[in-house]
Amino acid sequence: MTAPRPLTQFQSQVYFLCSQIPLNHVTTYKIIAEFLISSPRAIGQALKNNPFDPSLVPCHRVIKSNLLIGGYQGKTTKEKIFLKQKRLAEEGIFFNAKGYLLTKNIFQNFQRKL
């Protein structure tokens, strides 16, 4: 068994911000990217490697800036998207049949580490 890789500073920042997204809210890759002065794609790459339990770092609460659900665990298969949508529905976040966000609970009040 190999030891888990240590987190990069960037990954730590992304996971810290994700941990701030409250229940019944989502944010976007773009909002996190702008906060970190990065790119949405880099945020997605960090999130697909999230080693933490979703209750601590709820990366499933991050969606695309056009309010589409986006991928899950680095994949955009129907099965992964269904899992993400199911998890979000259990938290009170719903999407229409085309995958667009219905509830506009978008979180963007991130705090920096002290």
C-alpha atoms as a PDB file:
ATOM      1  CA  MET A   1       0.000   0.000   0.000  1.00  0.00           C
ATOM      2  CA  THR A   2       1.379   3.419  -0.917  1.00  0.00           C
ATOM      3  CA  ALA A   3       1.224   6.368   1.435  1.00  0.00           C
ATOM      4  CA  PRO A   4      -1.099   9.193   0.427  1.00  0.00           C
ATOM      5  CA  ARG A   5       0.581  12.082  -1.315  1.00  0.00           C
ATOM      6  CA  PRO A   6       1.071  15.206   0.755  1.00  0.00           C
ATOM      7  CA  LEU A   7      -1.223  18.051  -0.250  1.00  0.00           C
ATOM      8  CA  THR A   8       0.124  20.976  -2.198  1.00  0.00           C
ATOM      9  CA  GLN A   9      -0.459  24.448  -0.804  1.00  0.00           C
ATOM     10  CA  PHE A  10      -2.927  25.056  -3.634  1.00  0.00           C
ATOM     11  CA  GLN A  11      -4.915  21.889  -2.851  1.00  0.00           C
ATOM     12  CA  SER A  12      -5.009  22.849   0.829  1.00  0.00           C
ATOM     13  CA  GLN A  13      -6.412  26.261  -0.096  1.00  0.00           C
ATOM     14  CA  VAL A  14      -9.062  24.757  -2.377  1.00  0.00           C
ATOM     15  CA  TYR A  15     -10.146  22.217   0.248  1.00  0.00           C
ATOM     16  CA  PHE A  16     -10.227  24.892   2.950  1.00  0.00           C
ATOM     17  CA  LEU A  17     -12.540  27.039   0.806  1.00  0.00           C
ATOM     18  CA  CYS A  18     -14.729  24.045  -0.046  1.00  0.00           C
ATOM     19  CA  SER A  19     -15.076  23.255   3.639  1.00  0.00           C
ATOM     20  CA  GLN A  20     -16.777  26.651   4.063  1.00  0.00           C
ATOM     21  CA  ILE A  21     -19.662  25.938   1.662  1.00  0.00           C
ATOM     22  CA  PRO A  22     -22.716  25.593   3.909  1.00  0.00           C
ATOM     23  CA  LEU A  23     -25.351  22.919   3.634  1.00  0.00           C
ATOM     24  CA  ASN A  24     -28.087  23.821   1.104  1.00  0.00           C
ATOM     25  CA  HIS A  25     -25.634  25.945  -0.910  1.00  0.00           C
ATOM     26  CA  VAL A  26     -23.337  25.513  -3.879  1.00  0.00           C
ATOM     27  CA  THR A  27     -20.550  27.585  -5.335  1.00  0.00           C
ATOM     28  CA  THR A  28     -18.823  27.479  -8.704  1.00  0.00           C
ATOM     29  CA  TYR A  29     -15.379  26.498  -9.876  1.00  0.00           C
ATOM     30  CA  LYS A  30     -15.075  30.058 -11.198  1.00  0.00           C
ATOM     31  CA  ILE A  31     -15.912  31.717  -7.862  1.00  0.00           C
ATOM     32  CA  ILE A  32     -13.257  29.664  -6.087  1.00  0.00           C
ATOM     33  CA  ALA A  33     -10.786  30.294  -8.924  1.00  0.00           C
ATOM     34  CA  GLU A  34     -11.300  34.062  -8.749  1.00  0.00           C
ATOM     35  CA  PHE A  35     -10.834  34.000  -4.975  1.00  0.00           C
ATOM     36  CA  LEU A  36      -7.529  32.135  -5.370  1.00  0.00           C
ATOM     37  CA  ILE A  37      -6.506  33.989  -8.553  1.00  0.00           C
ATOM     38  CA  SER A  38      -6.417  30.731 -10.441  1.00  0.00           C
ATOM     39  CA  SER A  39      -8.435  28.940 -13.113  1.00  0.00           C
ATOM     40  CA  PRO A  40     -11.651  26.931 -12.837  1.00  0.00           C
ATOM     41  CA  ARG A  41      -9.889  23.969 -14.452  1.00  0.00           C
ATOM     42  CA  ALA A  42      -7.206  23.984 -11.724  1.00  0.00           C
ATOM     43  CA  ILE A  43      -9.950  23.985  -9.090  1.00  0.00           C
ATOM     44  CA  GLY A  44     -11.572  20.974 -10.755  1.00  0.00           C
ATOM     45  CA  GLN A  45      -8.259  19.129 -10.846  1.00  0.00           C
ATOM     46  CA  ALA A  46      -7.738  19.723  -7.131  1.00  0.00           C
ATOM     47  CA  LEU A  47     -11.283  18.637  -6.299  1.00  0.00           C
ATOM     48  CA  LYS A  48     -11.115  15.406  -8.280  1.00  0.00           C
ATOM     49  CA  ASN A  49      -8.300  14.353  -5.948  1.00  0.00           C
ATOM     50  CA  ASN A  50     -10.109  15.357  -2.740  1.00  0.00           C
ATOM     51  CA  PRO A  51      -8.869  12.905  -0.077  1.00  0.00           C
ATOM     52  CA  PHE A  52     -11.313  14.115   2.584  1.00  0.00           C
ATOM     53  CA  ASP A  53     -14.739  12.884   3.592  1.00  0.00           C
ATOM     54  CA  PRO A  54     -17.512  14.895   1.871  1.00  0.00           C
ATOM     55  CA  SER A  55     -18.807  15.982   5.280  1.00  0.00           C
ATOM     56  CA  LEU A  56     -15.500  17.823   5.829  1.00  0.00           C
ATOM     57  CA  VAL A  57     -14.754  18.990   2.280  1.00  0.00           C
ATOM     58  CA  PRO A  58     -18.015  18.919   0.312  1.00  0.00           C
ATOM     59  CA  CYS A  59     -16.573  19.171  -3.185  1.00  0.00           C
ATOM     60  CA  HIS A  60     -19.908  17.936  -4.579  1.00  0.00           C
ATOM     61  CA  ARG A  61     -21.214  21.443  -3.770  1.00  0.00           C
ATOM     62  CA  VAL A  62     -19.098  22.973  -6.549  1.00  0.00           C
ATOM     63  CA  ILE A  63     -20.794  23.377  -9.930  1.00  0.00           C
ATOM     64  CA  LYS A  64     -20.069  25.045 -13.256  1.00  0.00           C
ATOM     65  CA  SER A  65     -20.396  28.827 -13.592  1.00  0.00           C
ATOM     66  CA  ASN A  66     -23.235  28.419 -16.118  1.00  0.00           C
ATOM     67  CA  LEU A  67     -25.080  26.674 -13.245  1.00  0.00           C
ATOM     68  CA  LEU A  68     -24.881  23.209 -14.815  1.00  0.00           C
ATOM     69  CA  ILE A  69     -24.154  20.453 -12.339  1.00  0.00           C
ATOM     70  CA  GLY A  70     -20.733  19.590 -13.793  1.00  0.00           C
ATOM     71  CA  GLY A  71     -18.743  16.436 -13.142  1.00  0.00           C
ATOM     72  CA  TYR A  72     -18.086  14.468  -9.992  1.00  0.00           C
ATOM     73  CA  GLN A  73     -14.915  12.785  -8.761  1.00  0.00           C
ATOM     74  CA  GLY A  74     -13.163  13.859 -11.956  1.00  0.00           C
ATOM     75  CA  LYS A  75     -15.709  12.187 -14.221  1.00  0.00           C
ATOM     76  CA  THR A  76     -18.661  13.358 -16.313  1.00  0.00           C
ATOM     77  CA  THR A  77     -20.336   9.990 -16.812  1.00  0.00           C
ATOM     78  CA  LYS A  78     -24.088   9.750 -16.308  1.00  0.00           C
ATOM     79  CA  GLU A  79     -23.490   7.602 -13.240  1.00  0.00           C
ATOM     80  CA  LYS A  80     -21.164  10.127 -11.562  1.00  0.00           C
ATOM     81  CA  ILE A  81     -23.427  13.067 -12.389  1.00  0.00           C
ATOM     82  CA  PHE A  82     -26.402  11.122 -11.012  1.00  0.00           C
ATOM     83  CA  LEU A  83     -24.473  10.490  -7.768  1.00  0.00           C
ATOM     84  CA  LYS A  84     -23.613  14.195  -7.437  1.00  0.00           C
ATOM     85  CA  GLN A  85     -27.195  15.219  -8.190  1.00  0.00           C
ATOM     86  CA  LYS A  86     -28.545  12.692  -5.683  1.00  0.00           C
ATOM     87  CA  ARG A  87     -26.171  13.882  -2.961  1.00  0.00           C
ATOM     88  CA  LEU A  88     -27.114  17.515  -3.607  1.00  0.00           C
ATOM     89  CA  ALA A  89     -30.840  16.703  -3.669  1.00  0.00           C
ATOM     90  CA  GLU A  90     -30.462  15.125  -0.226  1.00  0.00           C
ATOM     91  CA  GLU A  91     -29.091  18.512   0.876  1.00  0.00           C
ATOM     92  CA  GLY A  92     -31.940  20.513  -0.685  1.00  0.00           C
ATOM     93  CA  ILE A  93     -30.201  21.544  -3.920  1.00  0.00           C
ATOM     94  CA  PHE A  94     -32.118  20.673  -7.087  1.00  0.00           C
ATOM     95  CA  PHE A  95     -31.473  20.708 -10.827  1.00  0.00           C
ATOM     96  CA  ASN A  96     -33.845  20.593 -13.775  1.00  0.00           C
ATOM     97  CA  ALA A  97     -33.938  17.765 -16.329  1.00  0.00           C
ATOM     98  CA  LYS A  98     -31.178  19.433 -18.364  1.00  0.00           C
ATOM     99  CA  GLY A  99     -28.890  19.637 -15.329  1.00  0.00           C
ATOM    100  CA  TYR A 100     -29.259  23.344 -14.497  1.00  0.00           C
ATOM    101  CA  LEU A 101     -29.484  24.596 -10.925  1.00  0.00           C
ATOM    102  CA  LEU A 102     -33.015  25.425  -9.798  1.00  0.00           C
ATOM    103  CA  THR A 103     -32.279  26.760  -6.323  1.00  0.00           C
ATOM    104  CA  LYS A 104     -30.111  29.869  -6.365  1.00  0.00           C
ATOM    105  CA  ASN A 105     -28.275  29.320  -3.084  1.00  0.00           C
ATOM    106  CA  ILE A 106     -24.845  30.328  -4.378  1.00  0.00           C
ATOM    107  CA  PHE A 107     -22.208  30.756  -1.705  1.00  0.00           C
ATOM    108  CA  GLN A 108     -19.361  33.203  -2.265  1.00  0.00           C
ATOM    109  CA  ASN A 109     -18.519  34.660   1.152  1.00  0.00           C
ATOM    110  CA  PHE A 110     -15.266  32.775   1.566  1.00  0.00           C
ATOM    111  CA  GLN A 111     -12.859  33.602   4.383  1.00  0.00           C
ATOM    112  CA  ARG A 112      -9.098  33.375   4.183  1.00  0.00           C
ATOM    113  CA  LYS A 113      -7.128  31.415   6.746  1.00  0.00           C
ATOM    114  CA  LEU A 114      -5.931  33.516   9.656  1.00  0.00           C
END
